[in-house]
All heavy atoms as atom14 arrays in JSON, in Angstrom:
{
  "sequence": "GRFRYGGEDCTVPLNFGDHPHSLHGFGWTAAWTVAKAGEDRVLLV",
  "atom14_mask": [
    [1, 1, 1, 1, 0, 0, 0, 0, 0, 0, 0, 0, 0, 0],
    [1, 1, 1, 1, 1, 1, 1, 1, 1, 1, 1, 0, 0, 0],
    [1, 1, 1, 1, 1, 1, 1, 1, 1, 1, 1, 0, 0, 0],
    [1, 1, 1, 1, 1, 1, 1, 1, 1, 1, 1, 0, 0, 0],
    [1, 1, 1, 1, 1, 1, 1, 1, 1, 1, 1, 1, 0, 0],
    [1, 1, 1, 1, 0, 0, 0, 0, 0, 0, 0, 0, 0, 0],
    [1, 1, 1, 1, 0, 0, 0, 0, 0, 0, 0, 0, 0, 0],
    [1, 1, 1, 1, 1, 1, 1, 1, 1, 0, 0, 0, 0, 0],
    [1, 1, 1, 1, 1, 1, 1, 1, 0, 0, 0, 0, 0, 0],
    [1, 1, 1, 1, 1, 1, 0, 0, 0, 0, 0, 0, 0, 0],
    [1, 1, 1, 1, 1, 1, 1, 0, 0, 0, 0, 0, 0, 0],
    [1, 1, 1, 1, 1, 1, 1, 0, 0, 0, 0, 0, 0, 0],
    [1, 1, 1, 1, 1, 1, 1, 0, 0, 0, 0, 0, 0, 0],
    [1, 1, 1, 1, 1, 1, 1, 1, 0, 0, 0, 0, 0, 0],
    [1, 1, 1, 1, 1, 1, 1, 1, 0, 0, 0, 0, 0, 0],
    [1, 1, 1, 1, 1, 1, 1, 1, 1, 1, 1, 0, 0, 0],
    [1, 1, 1, 1, 0, 0, 0, 0, 0, 0, 0, 0, 0, 0],
    [1, 1, 1, 1, 1, 1, 1, 1, 0, 0, 0, 0, 0, 0],
    [1, 1, 1, 1, 1, 1, 1, 1, 1, 1, 0, 0, 0, 0],
    [1, 1, 1, 1, 1, 1, 1, 0, 0, 0, 0, 0, 0, 0],
    [1, 1, 1, 1, 1, 1, 1, 1, 1, 1, 0, 0, 0, 0],
    [1, 1, 1, 1, 1, 1, 0, 0, 0, 0, 0, 0, 0, 0],
    [1, 1, 1, 1, 1, 1, 1, 1, 0, 0, 0, 0, 0, 0],
    [1, 1, 1, 1, 1, 1, 1, 1, 1, 1, 0, 0, 0, 0],
    [1, 1, 1, 1, 0, 0, 0, 0, 0, 0, 0, 0, 0, 0],
    [1, 1, 1, 1, 1, 1, 1, 1, 1, 1, 1, 0, 0, 0],
    [1, 1, 1, 1, 0, 0, 0, 0, 0, 0, 0, 0, 0, 0],
    [1, 1, 1, 1, 1, 1, 1, 1, 1, 1, 1, 1, 1, 1],
    [1, 1, 1, 1, 1, 1, 1, 0, 0, 0, 0, 0, 0, 0],
    [1, 1, 1, 1, 1, 0, 0, 0, 0, 0, 0, 0, 0, 0],
    [1, 1, 1, 1, 1, 0, 0, 0, 0, 0, 0, 0, 0, 0],
    [1, 1, 1, 1, 1, 1, 1, 1, 1, 1, 1, 1, 1, 1],
    [1, 1, 1, 1, 1, 1, 1, 0, 0, 0, 0, 0, 0, 0],
    [1, 1, 1, 1, 1, 1, 1, 0, 0, 0, 0, 0, 0, 0],
    [1, 1, 1, 1, 1, 0, 0, 0, 0, 0, 0, 0, 0, 0],
    [1, 1, 1, 1, 1, 1, 1, 1, 1, 0, 0, 0, 0, 0],
    [1, 1, 1, 1, 1, 0, 0, 0, 0, 0, 0, 0, 0, 0],
    [1, 1, 1, 1, 0, 0, 0, 0, 0, 0, 0, 0, 0, 0],
    [1, 1, 1, 1, 1, 1, 1, 1, 1, 0, 0, 0, 0, 0],
    [1, 1, 1, 1, 1, 1, 1, 1, 0, 0, 0, 0, 0, 0],
    [1, 1, 1, 1, 1, 1, 1, 1, 1, 1, 1, 0, 0, 0],
    [1, 1, 1, 1, 1, 1, 1, 0, 0, 0, 0, 0, 0, 0],
    [1, 1, 1, 1, 1, 1, 1, 1, 0, 0, 0, 0, 0, 0],
    [1, 1, 1, 1, 1, 1, 1, 1, 0, 0, 0, 0, 0, 0],
    [1, 1, 1, 1, 1, 1, 1, 0, 0, 0, 0, 0, 0, 0]
  ],
  "atom14_positions": [
    [[-8.88, 9.88, -2.61], [-7.99, 8.8, -2.21], [-8.69, 7.65, -1.48], [-8.05, 6.89, -0.75], [0.0, 0.0, 0.0], [0.0, 0.0, 0.0], [0.0, 0.0, 0.0], [0.0, 0.0, 0.0], [0.0, 0.0, 0.0], [0.0, 0.0, 0.0], [0.0, 0.0, 0.0], [0.0, 0.0, 0.0], [0.0, 0.0, 0.0], [0.0, 0.0, 0.0]],
    [[-10.01, 7.51, -1.73], [-10.77, 6.48, -0.99], [-11.62, 5.66, -1.98], [-12.14, 6.2, -2.96], [-11.68, 7.1, 0.02], [-10.95, 7.91, 1.1], [-11.89, 8.26, 2.25], [-13.03, 9.1, 1.76], [-13.07, 10.39, 1.81], [-12.0, 11.07, 2.28], [-14.13, 11.05, 1.37], [0.0, 0.0, 0.0], [0.0, 0.0, 0.0], [0.0, 0.0, 0.0]],
    [[-11.76, 4.4, -1.71], [-12.64, 3.53, -2.48], [-12.94, 2.26, -1.68], [-12.28, 1.97, -0.68], [-12.08, 3.17, -3.83], [-10.78, 2.41, -3.82], [-10.72, 1.01, -3.87], [-9.56, 3.09, -3.69], [-9.56, 0.29, -3.83], [-8.34, 2.39, -3.66], [-8.35, 0.98, -3.73], [0.0, 0.0, 0.0], [0.0, 0.0, 0.0], [0.0, 0.0, 0.0]],
    [[-13.95, 1.53, -2.13], [-14.27, 0.24, -1.5], [-14.08, -0.88, -2.48], [-14.51, -0.79, -3.65], [-15.74, 0.28, -1.02], [-16.1, -0.94, -0.13], [-17.46, -0.73, 0.55], [-17.86, -1.89, 1.37], [-17.4, -2.15, 2.56], [-16.51, -1.33, 3.14], [-17.78, -3.25, 3.18], [0.0, 0.0, 0.0], [0.0, 0.0, 0.0], [0.0, 0.0, 0.0]],
    [[-13.38, -1.9, -2.04], [-13.09, -3.04, -2.95], [-13.02, -4.33, -2.18], [-12.39, -4.4, -1.1], [-11.71, -2.82, -3.68], [-11.35, -3.93, -4.65], [-11.91, -3.94, -5.95], [-10.52, -4.92, -4.3], [-11.59, -4.9, -6.84], [-10.16, -5.96, -5.2], [-10.73, -5.92, -6.48], [-10.43, -6.91, -7.34], [0.0, 0.0, 0.0], [0.0, 0.0, 0.0]],
    [[-13.66, -5.37, -2.71], [-13.64, -6.65, -2.02], [-14.2, -6.6, -0.62], [-13.81, -7.37, 0.26], [0.0, 0.0, 0.0], [0.0, 0.0, 0.0], [0.0, 0.0, 0.0], [0.0, 0.0, 0.0], [0.0, 0.0, 0.0], [0.0, 0.0, 0.0], [0.0, 0.0, 0.0], [0.0, 0.0, 0.0], [0.0, 0.0, 0.0], [0.0, 0.0, 0.0]],
    [[-15.22, -5.71, -0.42], [-15.85, -5.62, 0.86], [-15.07, -4.86, 1.91], [-15.47, -4.82, 3.09], [0.0, 0.0, 0.0], [0.0, 0.0, 0.0], [0.0, 0.0, 0.0], [0.0, 0.0, 0.0], [0.0, 0.0, 0.0], [0.0, 0.0, 0.0], [0.0, 0.0, 0.0], [0.0, 0.0, 0.0], [0.0, 0.0, 0.0], [0.0, 0.0, 0.0]],
    [[-13.97, -4.21, 1.5], [-13.13, -3.47, 2.42], [-13.01, -2.02, 2.0], [-13.05, -1.69, 0.82], [-11.72, -4.1, 2.46], [-11.67, -5.53, 2.95], [-10.26, -6.05, 2.97], [-9.32, -5.28, 2.68], [-10.08, -7.25, 3.29], [0.0, 0.0, 0.0], [0.0, 0.0, 0.0], [0.0, 0.0, 0.0], [0.0, 0.0, 0.0], [0.0, 0.0, 0.0]],
    [[-12.92, -1.12, 2.98], [-12.64, 0.31, 2.71], [-11.16, 0.47, 2.52], [-10.33, 0.08, 3.39], [-13.12, 1.15, 3.88], [-14.63, 1.18, 3.99], [-15.32, 1.17, 2.94], [-15.16, 1.16, 5.13], [0.0, 0.0, 0.0], [0.0, 0.0, 0.0], [0.0, 0.0, 0.0], [0.0, 0.0, 0.0], [0.0, 0.0, 0.0], [0.0, 0.0, 0.0]],
    [[-10.79, 1.08, 1.42], [-9.34, 1.24, 1.03], [-9.02, 2.75, 0.92], [-9.87, 3.55, 0.51], [-9.05, 0.56, -0.27], [-9.48, -1.19, -0.3], [0.0, 0.0, 0.0], [0.0, 0.0, 0.0], [0.0, 0.0, 0.0], [0.0, 0.0, 0.0], [0.0, 0.0, 0.0], [0.0, 0.0, 0.0], [0.0, 0.0, 0.0], [0.0, 0.0, 0.0]],
    [[-7.83, 3.08, 1.28], [-7.3, 4.45, 1.1], [-5.95, 4.41, 0.42], [-5.17, 3.48, 0.63], [-7.19, 5.21, 2.42], [-6.3, 4.53, 3.27], [-8.55, 5.34, 3.11], [0.0, 0.0, 0.0], [0.0, 0.0, 0.0], [0.0, 0.0, 0.0], [0.0, 0.0, 0.0], [0.0, 0.0, 0.0], [0.0, 0.0, 0.0], [0.0, 0.0, 0.0]],
    [[-5.68, 5.45, -0.38], [-4.37, 5.6, -1.03], [-3.9, 7.02, -0.77], [-4.74, 7.91, -0.5], [-4.4, 5.3, -2.55], [-4.61, 3.82, -2.78], [-5.5, 6.07, -3.21], [0.0, 0.0, 0.0], [0.0, 0.0, 0.0], [0.0, 0.0, 0.0], [0.0, 0.0, 0.0], [0.0, 0.0, 0.0], [0.0, 0.0, 0.0], [0.0, 0.0, 0.0]],
    [[-2.61, 7.3, -0.74], [-2.15, 8.61, -0.39], [-2.58, 9.71, -1.36], [-2.73, 9.46, -2.56], [-0.6, 8.45, -0.42], [-0.39, 7.0, -0.29], [-1.52, 6.34, -0.96], [0.0, 0.0, 0.0], [0.0, 0.0, 0.0], [0.0, 0.0, 0.0], [0.0, 0.0, 0.0], [0.0, 0.0, 0.0], [0.0, 0.0, 0.0], [0.0, 0.0, 0.0]],
    [[-2.84, 10.89, -0.84], [-3.04, 12.08, -1.66], [-1.65, 12.54, -2.06], [-0.9, 13.05, -1.24], [-3.8, 13.16, -0.88], [-5.2, 12.7, -0.36], [-5.87, 13.85, 0.34], [-6.09, 12.15, -1.5], [0.0, 0.0, 0.0], [0.0, 0.0, 0.0], [0.0, 0.0, 0.0], [0.0, 0.0, 0.0], [0.0, 0.0, 0.0], [0.0, 0.0, 0.0]],
    [[-1.29, 12.34, -3.31], [0.13, 12.39, -3.72], [0.46, 13.56, -4.63], [1.44, 13.52, -5.41], [0.49, 11.06, -4.48], [-0.41, 10.81, -5.68], [-1.4, 11.53, -5.88], [-0.06, 9.78, -6.47], [0.0, 0.0, 0.0], [0.0, 0.0, 0.0], [0.0, 0.0, 0.0], [0.0, 0.0, 0.0], [0.0, 0.0, 0.0], [0.0, 0.0, 0.0]],
    [[-0.37, 14.6, -4.61], [-0.18, 15.72, -5.56], [-0.38, 17.04, -4.85], [-1.28, 17.81, -5.2], [-1.08, 15.56, -6.77], [-0.69, 16.38, -7.96], [0.53, 16.17, -8.59], [-1.55, 17.34, -8.48], [0.91, 16.94, -9.69], [-1.2, 18.1, -9.59], [0.04, 17.91, -10.19], [0.0, 0.0, 0.0], [0.0, 0.0, 0.0], [0.0, 0.0, 0.0]],
    [[0.45, 17.32, -3.93], [0.37, 18.61, -3.19], [-0.97, 18.75, -2.47], [-1.43, 17.86, -1.78], [0.0, 0.0, 0.0], [0.0, 0.0, 0.0], [0.0, 0.0, 0.0], [0.0, 0.0, 0.0], [0.0, 0.0, 0.0], [0.0, 0.0, 0.0], [0.0, 0.0, 0.0], [0.0, 0.0, 0.0], [0.0, 0.0, 0.0], [0.0, 0.0, 0.0]],
    [[-1.67, 19.92, -2.69], [-2.97, 20.11, -2.06], [-4.15, 19.63, -2.92], [-5.29, 19.97, -2.6], [-3.11, 21.62, -1.7], [-3.04, 22.53, -2.94], [-2.83, 21.99, -4.09], [-3.19, 23.76, -2.77], [0.0, 0.0, 0.0], [0.0, 0.0, 0.0], [0.0, 0.0, 0.0], [0.0, 0.0, 0.0], [0.0, 0.0, 0.0], [0.0, 0.0, 0.0]],
    [[-3.85, 18.88, -3.96], [-4.91, 18.32, -4.82], [-5.74, 17.37, -3.94], [-5.16, 16.55, -3.19], [-4.3, 17.58, -6.0], [-5.32, 17.19, -7.03], [-5.92, 18.05, -7.85], [-5.78, 15.94, -7.37], [-6.74, 17.41, -8.68], [-6.69, 16.13, -8.39], [0.0, 0.0, 0.0], [0.0, 0.0, 0.0], [0.0, 0.0, 0.0], [0.0, 0.0, 0.0]],
    [[-7.06, 17.42, -4.02], [-7.89, 16.62, -3.11], [-8.01, 15.15, -3.47], [-8.59, 14.38, -2.68], [-9.28, 17.28, -3.21], [-9.29, 17.88, -4.59], [-7.87, 18.37, -4.85], [0.0, 0.0, 0.0], [0.0, 0.0, 0.0], [0.0, 0.0, 0.0], [0.0, 0.0, 0.0], [0.0, 0.0, 0.0], [0.0, 0.0, 0.0], [0.0, 0.0, 0.0]],
    [[-7.45, 14.73, -4.59], [-7.59, 13.34, -5.01], [-6.19, 12.69, -5.16], [-5.19, 13.39, -5.34], [-8.34, 13.26, -6.33], [-9.57, 14.07, -6.39], [-10.6, 13.86, -5.51], [-10.01, 15.07, -7.24], [-11.59, 14.73, -5.8], [-11.23, 15.49, -6.84], [0.0, 0.0, 0.0], [0.0, 0.0, 0.0], [0.0, 0.0, 0.0], [0.0, 0.0, 0.0]],
    [[-6.18, 11.38, -5.15], [-4.99, 10.6, -5.46], [-4.87, 10.56, -6.95], [-5.83, 10.36, -7.64], [-5.03, 9.24, -4.85], [-3.82, 8.57, -5.07], [0.0, 0.0, 0.0], [0.0, 0.0, 0.0], [0.0, 0.0, 0.0], [0.0, 0.0, 0.0], [0.0, 0.0, 0.0], [0.0, 0.0, 0.0], [0.0, 0.0, 0.0], [0.0, 0.0, 0.0]],
    [[-3.62, 10.71, -7.48], [-3.46, 10.89, -8.9], [-2.44, 9.98, -9.51], [-1.32, 9.8, -8.99], [-3.04, 12.37, -9.15], [-3.13, 12.95, -10.54], [-4.6, 13.05, -10.97], [-2.5, 14.33, -10.54], [0.0, 0.0, 0.0], [0.0, 0.0, 0.0], [0.0, 0.0, 0.0], [0.0, 0.0, 0.0], [0.0, 0.0, 0.0], [0.0, 0.0, 0.0]],
    [[-2.82, 9.33, -10.62], [-1.91, 8.67, -11.56], [-1.21, 7.39, -11.07], [-0.33, 6.86, -11.74], [-0.83, 9.61, -12.04], [-1.37, 10.72, -12.91], [-2.5, 10.59, -13.7], [-0.87, 11.98, -13.18], [-2.71, 11.7, -14.36], [-1.76, 12.55, -14.05], [0.0, 0.0, 0.0], [0.0, 0.0, 0.0], [0.0, 0.0, 0.0], [0.0, 0.0, 0.0]],
    [[-1.55, 6.87, -9.88], [-0.94, 5.66, -9.43], [0.32, 5.89, -8.65], [0.56, 6.94, -8.14], [0.0, 0.0, 0.0], [0.0, 0.0, 0.0], [0.0, 0.0, 0.0], [0.0, 0.0, 0.0], [0.0, 0.0, 0.0], [0.0, 0.0, 0.0], [0.0, 0.0, 0.0], [0.0, 0.0, 0.0], [0.0, 0.0, 0.0], [0.0, 0.0, 0.0]],
    [[1.17, 4.83, -8.58], [2.36, 4.88, -7.77], [3.67, 4.81, -8.66], [4.69, 5.23, -8.23], [2.42, 3.71, -6.79], [1.22, 3.59, -5.9], [0.39, 2.45, -5.94], [0.78, 4.66, -5.12], [-0.73, 2.37, -5.13], [-0.3, 4.63, -4.33], [-1.09, 3.46, -4.31], [0.0, 0.0, 0.0], [0.0, 0.0, 0.0], [0.0, 0.0, 0.0]],
    [[3.5, 4.25, -9.86], [4.71, 4.03, -10.67], [5.38, 5.34, -11.08], [6.63, 5.38, -11.24], [0.0, 0.0, 0.0], [0.0, 0.0, 0.0], [0.0, 0.0, 0.0], [0.0, 0.0, 0.0], [0.0, 0.0, 0.0], [0.0, 0.0, 0.0], [0.0, 0.0, 0.0], [0.0, 0.0, 0.0], [0.0, 0.0, 0.0], [0.0, 0.0, 0.0]],
    [[4.62, 6.43, -11.28], [5.19, 7.67, -11.77], [6.07, 8.38, -10.71], [6.83, 9.26, -11.11], [4.08, 8.57, -12.28], [3.22, 9.23, -11.29], [2.44, 8.58, -10.35], [2.98, 10.58, -11.09], [1.76, 9.49, -9.61], [2.06, 10.75, -10.02], [3.46, 11.76, -11.76], [1.63, 11.97, -9.59], [3.02, 13.0, -11.26], [2.13, 13.09, -10.23]],
    [[5.93, 8.05, -9.48], [6.75, 8.67, -8.45], [7.73, 7.68, -7.85], [8.43, 7.99, -6.85], [5.88, 9.24, -7.32], [5.01, 8.22, -6.76], [4.99, 10.39, -7.84], [0.0, 0.0, 0.0], [0.0, 0.0, 0.0], [0.0, 0.0, 0.0], [0.0, 0.0, 0.0], [0.0, 0.0, 0.0], [0.0, 0.0, 0.0], [0.0, 0.0, 0.0]],
    [[7.87, 6.5, -8.43], [8.77, 5.48, -7.94], [10.0, 5.34, -8.81], [10.02, 5.75, -9.98], [8.04, 4.11, -7.91], [0.0, 0.0, 0.0], [0.0, 0.0, 0.0], [0.0, 0.0, 0.0], [0.0, 0.0, 0.0], [0.0, 0.0, 0.0], [0.0, 0.0, 0.0], [0.0, 0.0, 0.0], [0.0, 0.0, 0.0], [0.0, 0.0, 0.0]],
    [[11.04, 4.78, -8.22], [12.21, 4.41, -9.02], [11.99, 3.04, -9.63], [11.66, 2.08, -8.93], [13.45, 4.41, -8.09], [0.0, 0.0, 0.0], [0.0, 0.0, 0.0], [0.0, 0.0, 0.0], [0.0, 0.0, 0.0], [0.0, 0.0, 0.0], [0.0, 0.0, 0.0], [0.0, 0.0, 0.0], [0.0, 0.0, 0.0], [0.0, 0.0, 0.0]],
    [[12.25, 2.95, -10.92], [12.09, 1.7, -11.61], [13.47, 1.04, -11.78], [14.51, 1.73, -11.88], [11.46, 1.86, -13.0], [10.01, 2.29, -12.94], [9.52, 3.37, -12.35], [8.92, 1.59, -13.53], [8.18, 3.43, -12.53], [7.74, 2.33, -13.28], [8.8, 0.43, -14.29], [6.48, 1.96, -13.7], [7.5, 0.03, -14.76], [6.4, 0.79, -14.48]],
    [[13.47, -0.29, -11.78], [14.75, -1.06, -11.94], [14.95, -1.43, -13.41], [13.95, -1.8, -14.1], [14.7, -2.33, -11.1], [14.57, -1.95, -9.7], [16.02, -3.12, -11.25], [0.0, 0.0, 0.0], [0.0, 0.0, 0.0], [0.0, 0.0, 0.0], [0.0, 0.0, 0.0], [0.0, 0.0, 0.0], [0.0, 0.0, 0.0], [0.0, 0.0, 0.0]],
    [[16.2, -1.36, -13.88], [16.49, -1.77, -15.27], [16.72, -3.3, -15.25], [17.67, -3.78, -14.7], [17.69, -1.07, -15.79], [18.03, -1.53, -17.22], [17.5, 0.46, -15.77], [0.0, 0.0, 0.0], [0.0, 0.0, 0.0], [0.0, 0.0, 0.0], [0.0, 0.0, 0.0], [0.0, 0.0, 0.0], [0.0, 0.0, 0.0], [0.0, 0.0, 0.0]],
    [[15.82, -4.05, -15.9], [15.94, -5.5, -16.0], [16.81, -5.9, -17.19], [17.6, -6.83, -17.09], [14.59, -6.13, -16.05], [0.0, 0.0, 0.0], [0.0, 0.0, 0.0], [0.0, 0.0, 0.0], [0.0, 0.0, 0.0], [0.0, 0.0, 0.0], [0.0, 0.0, 0.0], [0.0, 0.0, 0.0], [0.0, 0.0, 0.0], [0.0, 0.0, 0.0]],
    [[16.6, -5.22, -18.33], [17.37, -5.47, -19.54], [17.55, -4.18, -20.3], [16.67, -3.31, -20.23], [16.68, -6.5, -20.46], [16.54, -7.91, -19.88], [15.83, -8.81, -20.9], [15.62, -10.21, -20.38], [14.9, -11.07, -21.32], [0.0, 0.0, 0.0], [0.0, 0.0, 0.0], [0.0, 0.0, 0.0], [0.0, 0.0, 0.0], [0.0, 0.0, 0.0]],
    [[18.65, -4.03, -20.99], [18.88, -2.83, -21.8], [19.7, -3.2, -23.02], [20.66, -3.95, -22.93], [19.56, -1.76, -20.94], [0.0, 0.0, 0.0], [0.0, 0.0, 0.0], [0.0, 0.0, 0.0], [0.0, 0.0, 0.0], [0.0, 0.0, 0.0], [0.0, 0.0, 0.0], [0.0, 0.0, 0.0], [0.0, 0.0, 0.0], [0.0, 0.0, 0.0]],
    [[19.3, -2.61, -24.14], [20.01, -2.78, -25.39], [20.19, -1.45, -26.08], [19.83, -0.39, -25.51], [0.0, 0.0, 0.0], [0.0, 0.0, 0.0], [0.0, 0.0, 0.0], [0.0, 0.0, 0.0], [0.0, 0.0, 0.0], [0.0, 0.0, 0.0], [0.0, 0.0, 0.0], [0.0, 0.0, 0.0], [0.0, 0.0, 0.0], [0.0, 0.0, 0.0]],
    [[20.67, -1.49, -27.3], [20.93, -0.25, -28.02], [19.67, 0.56, -28.3], [19.69, 1.81, -28.21], [21.62, -0.59, -29.38], [22.01, 0.64, -30.18], [22.79, 0.23, -31.45], [23.56, -0.71, -31.37], [22.52, 0.88, -32.5], [0.0, 0.0, 0.0], [0.0, 0.0, 0.0], [0.0, 0.0, 0.0], [0.0, 0.0, 0.0], [0.0, 0.0, 0.0]],
    [[18.57, -0.18, -28.61], [17.33, 0.54, -28.95], [16.14, 0.11, -28.12], [14.99, 0.41, -28.51], [17.02, 0.36, -30.44], [16.79, -1.14, -30.81], [16.97, -1.99, -29.94], [16.49, -1.41, -31.98], [0.0, 0.0, 0.0], [0.0, 0.0, 0.0], [0.0, 0.0, 0.0], [0.0, 0.0, 0.0], [0.0, 0.0, 0.0], [0.0, 0.0, 0.0]],
    [[16.37, -0.54, -26.99], [15.22, -0.97, -26.15], [15.7, -1.17, -24.74], [16.85, -1.35, -24.41], [14.62, -2.26, -26.71], [15.55, -3.47, -26.68], [15.06, -4.54, -27.59], [14.92, -4.1, -28.95], [13.94, -4.45, -29.79], [13.02, -5.29, -29.37], [13.91, -4.0, -30.98], [0.0, 0.0, 0.0], [0.0, 0.0, 0.0], [0.0, 0.0, 0.0]],
    [[14.66, -1.14, -23.81], [14.96, -1.28, -22.39], [13.72, -1.89, -21.74], [12.58, -1.64, -22.17], [15.35, 0.01, -21.7], [14.19, 1.03, -21.75], [15.81, -0.18, -20.27], [0.0, 0.0, 0.0], [0.0, 0.0, 0.0], [0.0, 0.0, 0.0], [0.0, 0.0, 0.0], [0.0, 0.0, 0.0], [0.0, 0.0, 0.0], [0.0, 0.0, 0.0]],
    [[13.93, -2.7, -20.71], [12.84, -3.27, -19.91], [13.0, -2.74, -18.48], [14.06, -2.97, -17.84], [12.89, -4.8, -19.94], [11.95, -5.53, -18.96], [10.47, -5.18, -19.27], [12.17, -7.02, -18.97], [0.0, 0.0, 0.0], [0.0, 0.0, 0.0], [0.0, 0.0, 0.0], [0.0, 0.0, 0.0], [0.0, 0.0, 0.0], [0.0, 0.0, 0.0]],
    [[11.98, -2.07, -17.95], [12.0, -1.51, -16.62], [10.97, -2.26, -15.75], [9.95, -2.7, -16.22], [11.6, -0.03, -16.63], [12.46, 0.88, -17.54], [11.93, 2.28, -17.45], [13.95, 0.86, -17.17], [0.0, 0.0, 0.0], [0.0, 0.0, 0.0], [0.0, 0.0, 0.0], [0.0, 0.0, 0.0], [0.0, 0.0, 0.0], [0.0, 0.0, 0.0]],
    [[11.27, -2.35, -14.47], [10.41, -3.09, -13.52], [10.12, -2.19, -12.31], [11.01, -1.54, -11.79], [11.08, -4.38, -13.07], [10.24, -5.1, -11.97], [11.27, -5.33, -14.29], [0.0, 0.0, 0.0], [0.0, 0.0, 0.0], [0.0, 0.0, 0.0], [0.0, 0.0, 0.0], [0.0, 0.0, 0.0], [0.0, 0.0, 0.0], [0.0, 0.0, 0.0]]
  ]
}
């Protein structure tokens, strides 16, 4: 859950139980908003 970017030390949450690394980003554990929806398609934000 650590990296350096733009000259700064950055940390992100360890988000998978006792797994030692941060995994898969933030979108997969977040609620997405429906921006548009149709019969055969949808736009999520």
